[in-house]
Amino acid sequence: MSAVYKSIIIDDEELARADLKAVLKDFSSVEIIGEADNYADAKELIERSSPDLIFLDIQMPNKSGFELLKDVKTEAKIIFVTAYDEYAIKAFEVNAQDYLLKPVNKDRLALALEHINIPPAEDSAQKKFTAEDNIFLMVNNTYHFIRIDSIIKISSAGNYSEIFTSANIKGFVLKTMREWETRLPKNLFVRIHRYSIINLGFIDHIEEWFNYSYQIYLKGIEKPLVMSRRFAAKLKDKMC
């Protein structure tokens, strides 16, 4: 790997930090610039050092690693480190680069670091979401748990997308419309335009507009969305 990542380790166990640092010595792509063992020090360290990569323990006293990420703004890549594999499920499907189980295995660490430099393939076979899934997602540089069926609409924004939820979470995420469309439950979400995906459960009403297009009014969204003619048939099939 050619890139060198300014990295920090956040773990309340001194022995766990020492073990991880020992394994990381064999990786020239990782430069450890700091470590912390509690929420307050970790938050200050992230804000002060602006790391490229964070090795983050999940279970810590007072506040968890999840809560820490919700309270700080960072563009760092996250590799979770945990002793409990039950955390390695839906929470990591979207934004965390990877997770490692303690004690950290050198080969598994090498794979995690390799993943950082490999963008996810849009056509890869990724698990589809269900309406009840909670995903751990960075929105405007802040992490949130977002329940899939709380998403009202998703709009295209180049390589990003903009989401709006019923929990008043809105902003940009590094996720393409194609990936959303592939992974969202098809019985709940529909694409109404090349720039828009909506949740059927939030449709208030639909009005005809000019040139055989329509305006869709969604609960919780002030302005109506335009549905192009080519997508109208798909919506009609889902609502029948």
Protein backbone atom coordinates (compact mmCIF):
# COMPACT_ATOMS: atom_id res chain seq x y z
CA MET A 1 0.00 0.00 0.00
CA SER A 2 1.38 3.37 -0.93
CA ALA A 3 -0.72 5.57 1.36
CA VAL A 4 0.35 6.19 4.94
CA TYR A 5 -2.56 6.59 7.36
CA LYS A 6 -2.26 8.77 10.44
CA SER A 7 -3.95 6.45 12.89
CA ILE A 8 -5.20 6.42 16.47
CA ILE A 9 -6.21 3.57 18.75
CA ILE A 10 -9.16 3.95 21.11
CA ASP A 11 -9.56 1.14 23.62
CA ASP A 12 -10.02 1.19 27.39
CA GLU A 13 -7.79 -1.88 27.83
CA GLU A 14 -4.05 -1.10 27.88
CA LEU A 15 -3.12 -4.67 27.00
CA ALA A 16 -5.44 -4.64 23.96
CA ARG A 17 -3.85 -1.40 22.73
CA ALA A 18 -0.37 -2.84 23.21
CA ASP A 19 -1.29 -6.03 21.33
CA LEU A 20 -2.71 -4.07 18.41
CA LYS A 21 0.33 -1.77 18.24
CA ALA A 22 2.61 -4.80 18.21
CA VAL A 23 0.78 -6.26 15.22
CA LEU A 24 0.68 -2.88 13.45
CA LYS A 25 4.49 -2.55 13.60
CA ASP A 26 4.68 -4.75 10.53
CA PHE A 27 2.53 -2.40 8.48
CA SER A 28 4.37 0.64 7.12
CA SER A 29 1.09 2.08 5.85
CA VAL A 30 -0.06 2.80 9.42
CA GLU A 31 1.47 5.52 11.58
CA ILE A 32 0.15 5.56 15.14
CA ILE A 33 -0.09 9.21 16.24
CA GLY A 34 -2.08 8.75 19.44
CA GLU A 35 -4.23 6.58 21.64
CA ALA A 36 -6.98 7.03 24.19
CA ASP A 37 -8.69 4.86 26.79
CA ASN A 38 -11.91 6.76 27.48
CA TYR A 39 -14.64 8.77 25.78
CA ALA A 40 -13.48 12.27 26.74
CA ASP A 41 -9.85 11.75 25.78
CA ALA A 42 -10.85 9.98 22.58
CA LYS A 43 -13.14 12.81 21.51
CA GLU A 44 -10.42 15.39 22.19
CA LEU A 45 -7.83 13.30 20.35
CA ILE A 46 -9.99 12.93 17.24
CA GLU A 47 -10.80 16.63 17.11
CA ARG A 48 -7.17 17.65 17.71
CA SER A 49 -5.33 15.21 15.46
CA SER A 50 -7.78 14.73 12.54
CA PRO A 51 -6.69 11.12 11.95
CA ASP A 52 -7.05 9.27 8.68
CA LEU A 53 -7.84 5.97 10.39
CA ILE A 54 -9.34 5.05 13.76
CA PHE A 55 -9.09 1.64 15.40
CA LEU A 56 -12.07 1.80 17.71
CA ASP A 57 -13.17 -0.49 20.50
CA ILE A 58 -16.94 -0.83 20.79
CA GLN A 59 -17.49 -1.59 24.45
CA MET A 60 -15.99 1.04 26.73
CA PRO A 61 -16.99 2.46 30.13
CA ASN A 62 -19.65 5.19 30.21
CA LYS A 63 -20.06 5.58 26.44
CA SER A 64 -19.57 3.06 23.65
CA GLY A 65 -17.57 3.46 20.47
CA PHE A 66 -20.86 3.93 18.63
CA GLU A 67 -21.82 6.84 20.87
CA LEU A 68 -18.38 8.41 20.45
CA LEU A 69 -18.76 8.44 16.65
CA LYS A 70 -22.18 10.04 16.93
CA ASP A 71 -20.69 12.86 19.05
CA VAL A 72 -17.71 13.79 16.86
CA LYS A 73 -17.32 14.95 13.31
CA THR A 74 -14.62 13.04 11.47
CA GLU A 75 -13.83 11.91 7.98
CA ALA A 76 -11.55 9.18 9.27
CA LYS A 77 -11.95 5.60 8.13
CA ILE A 78 -13.14 3.36 10.93
CA ILE A 79 -12.00 -0.16 11.76
CA PHE A 80 -13.90 -1.51 14.75
CA VAL A 81 -12.06 -3.72 17.20
CA THR A 82 -14.20 -5.89 19.45
CA ALA A 83 -14.15 -9.01 21.56
CA TYR A 84 -17.78 -9.75 20.69
CA ASP A 85 -18.71 -10.96 17.21
CA GLU A 86 -22.40 -10.16 17.70
CA TYR A 87 -21.53 -6.57 16.81
CA ALA A 88 -20.17 -7.67 13.46
CA ILE A 89 -23.52 -7.70 11.72
CA LYS A 90 -25.81 -4.99 10.38
CA ALA A 91 -24.05 -2.08 12.09
CA PHE A 92 -21.01 -2.52 9.87
CA GLU A 93 -22.68 -3.05 6.51
CA VAL A 94 -22.50 0.49 5.29
CA ASN A 95 -19.75 2.75 6.55
CA ALA A 96 -17.23 1.01 8.75
CA GLN A 97 -14.34 -0.21 6.63
CA ASP A 98 -14.08 -3.41 8.64
CA TYR A 99 -14.13 -4.96 12.10
CA LEU A 100 -11.53 -7.06 13.87
CA LEU A 101 -12.02 -9.55 16.66
CA LYS A 102 -9.64 -9.52 19.61
CA PRO A 103 -6.92 -10.69 19.74
CA VAL A 104 -6.18 -9.16 16.34
CA ASN A 105 -4.80 -11.58 13.79
CA LYS A 106 -2.05 -10.25 11.50
CA ASP A 107 -3.50 -11.75 8.32
CA ARG A 108 -6.98 -10.48 9.16
CA LEU A 109 -5.54 -7.01 9.85
CA ALA A 110 -3.78 -7.05 6.46
CA LEU A 111 -7.10 -7.79 4.78
CA ALA A 112 -8.82 -4.95 6.66
CA LEU A 113 -6.14 -2.47 5.57
CA GLU A 114 -6.38 -3.72 2.01
CA HIS A 115 -10.14 -3.06 2.03
CA ILE A 116 -9.51 0.60 2.81
CA ASN A 117 -7.98 1.13 -0.61
CA ILE A 118 -10.57 -0.90 -2.50
CA PRO A 119 -13.86 0.89 -3.24
CA PRO A 120 -16.88 -1.41 -3.01
CA ALA A 121 -18.02 -2.68 -6.40
CA GLU A 122 -21.52 -1.48 -7.14
CA ASP A 123 -22.45 -4.77 -8.75
CA SER A 124 -21.05 -6.91 -5.95
CA ALA A 125 -23.42 -9.31 -4.24
CA GLN A 126 -24.24 -7.34 -1.11
CA LYS A 127 -26.89 -8.35 1.36
CA LYS A 128 -30.24 -6.66 0.83
CA PHE A 129 -31.73 -4.60 3.61
CA THR A 130 -35.06 -5.28 5.27
CA ALA A 131 -37.42 -2.57 6.49
CA GLU A 132 -36.47 -3.30 10.12
CA ASP A 133 -32.69 -3.15 9.63
CA ASN A 134 -30.67 -0.49 11.42
CA ILE A 135 -27.64 0.67 9.47
CA PHE A 136 -24.68 2.61 10.85
CA LEU A 137 -24.23 5.45 8.41
CA MET A 138 -22.10 8.58 8.20
CA VAL A 139 -24.28 11.58 7.29
CA ASN A 140 -22.50 14.92 6.88
CA ASN A 141 -19.44 13.57 8.75
CA THR A 142 -21.51 12.40 11.74
CA TYR A 143 -22.43 8.75 12.35
CA HIS A 144 -26.03 7.72 12.95
CA PHE A 145 -28.03 4.56 13.40
CA ILE A 146 -30.77 4.77 10.78
CA ARG A 147 -33.67 2.38 10.51
CA ILE A 148 -34.35 1.59 6.86
CA ASP A 149 -38.11 2.20 7.01
CA SER A 150 -37.49 5.68 8.49
CA ILE A 151 -35.92 6.86 5.22
CA ILE A 152 -38.45 9.07 3.43
CA LYS A 153 -36.51 9.78 0.25
CA ILE A 154 -33.06 9.58 -1.31
CA SER A 155 -31.81 12.02 -3.93
CA SER A 156 -28.84 11.73 -6.25
CA ALA A 157 -25.85 14.00 -5.66
CA GLY A 158 -23.12 12.80 -8.01
CA ASN A 159 -20.97 10.19 -6.24
CA TYR A 160 -22.97 10.92 -3.11
CA SER A 161 -26.64 10.70 -2.27
CA GLU A 162 -28.78 12.83 0.02
CA ILE A 163 -31.13 11.13 2.46
CA PHE A 164 -34.10 12.44 4.43
CA THR A 165 -35.54 10.49 7.37
CA SER A 166 -38.57 10.74 9.63
CA ALA A 167 -36.14 11.15 12.56
CA ASN A 168 -35.03 14.51 11.10
CA ILE A 169 -31.71 13.13 9.92
CA LYS A 170 -30.82 14.55 6.54
CA GLY A 171 -27.62 15.07 4.62
CA PHE A 172 -25.10 13.57 2.25
CA VAL A 173 -23.72 10.04 2.37
CA LEU A 174 -21.02 8.38 0.28
CA LYS A 175 -23.37 5.92 -1.39
CA THR A 176 -24.62 5.86 -4.96
CA MET A 177 -28.22 5.66 -6.10
CA ARG A 178 -27.47 2.37 -7.79
CA GLU A 179 -26.32 0.78 -4.54
CA TRP A 180 -29.37 2.10 -2.69
CA GLU A 181 -31.69 0.78 -5.37
CA THR A 182 -29.99 -2.62 -5.31
CA ARG A 183 -30.10 -3.07 -1.54
CA LEU A 184 -33.35 -1.41 -0.42
CA PRO A 185 -36.45 -3.61 0.00
CA LYS A 186 -38.34 -3.42 -3.28
CA ASN A 187 -41.74 -3.76 -1.62
CA LEU A 188 -41.15 -0.47 0.22
CA PHE A 189 -38.97 1.71 -2.00
CA VAL A 190 -39.35 2.73 -5.62
CA ARG A 191 -37.35 4.89 -7.98
CA ILE A 192 -39.54 7.66 -9.39
CA HIS A 193 -36.85 9.50 -11.33
CA ARG A 194 -33.20 8.94 -12.15
CA TYR A 195 -32.51 11.39 -9.31
CA SER A 196 -35.03 10.17 -6.71
CA ILE A 197 -35.98 7.08 -4.67
CA ILE A 198 -38.95 7.28 -2.29
CA ASN A 199 -40.48 5.27 0.52
CA LEU A 200 -44.02 4.24 -0.47
CA GLY A 201 -45.13 4.48 3.15
CA PHE A 202 -44.62 8.25 3.15
CA ILE A 203 -46.65 9.10 0.04
CA ASP A 204 -49.35 11.64 0.91
CA HIS A 205 -50.86 12.16 -2.54
CA ILE A 206 -50.00 12.32 -6.23
CA GLU A 207 -51.03 14.96 -8.74
CA GLU A 208 -50.86 14.93 -12.52
CA TRP A 209 -48.44 17.43 -13.96
CA PHE A 210 -47.52 18.52 -17.46
CA ASN A 211 -46.12 16.34 -20.25
CA TYR A 212 -47.49 13.11 -18.73
CA SER A 213 -45.42 13.51 -15.57
CA TYR A 214 -46.62 13.64 -11.96
CA GLN A 215 -45.88 15.44 -8.72
CA ILE A 216 -45.57 13.27 -5.62
CA TYR A 217 -46.16 14.80 -2.19
CA LEU A 218 -44.41 13.04 0.69
CA LYS A 219 -45.16 13.34 4.38
CA GLY A 220 -42.41 15.32 6.06
CA ILE A 221 -41.08 16.79 2.81
CA GLU A 222 -42.17 20.31 1.94
CA LYS A 223 -41.69 20.35 -1.82
CA PRO A 224 -43.23 17.77 -4.16
CA LEU A 225 -41.04 15.48 -6.24
CA VAL A 226 -41.42 15.01 -9.97
CA MET A 227 -42.05 11.50 -11.22
CA SER A 228 -41.09 11.03 -14.84
CA ARG A 229 -43.39 9.18 -17.19
CA ARG A 230 -41.09 6.17 -17.57
CA PHE A 231 -41.22 5.44 -13.82
CA ALA A 232 -44.98 5.94 -13.38
CA ALA A 233 -45.81 2.37 -14.44
CA LYS A 234 -43.42 0.91 -11.84
CA LEU A 235 -45.04 2.92 -9.08
CA LYS A 236 -48.52 1.93 -10.24
CA ASP A 237 -47.57 -1.77 -10.12
CA LYS A 238 -46.25 -1.45 -6.55
CA MET A 239 -49.35 0.38 -5.31
CA CYS A 240 -51.89 -2.00 -6.84
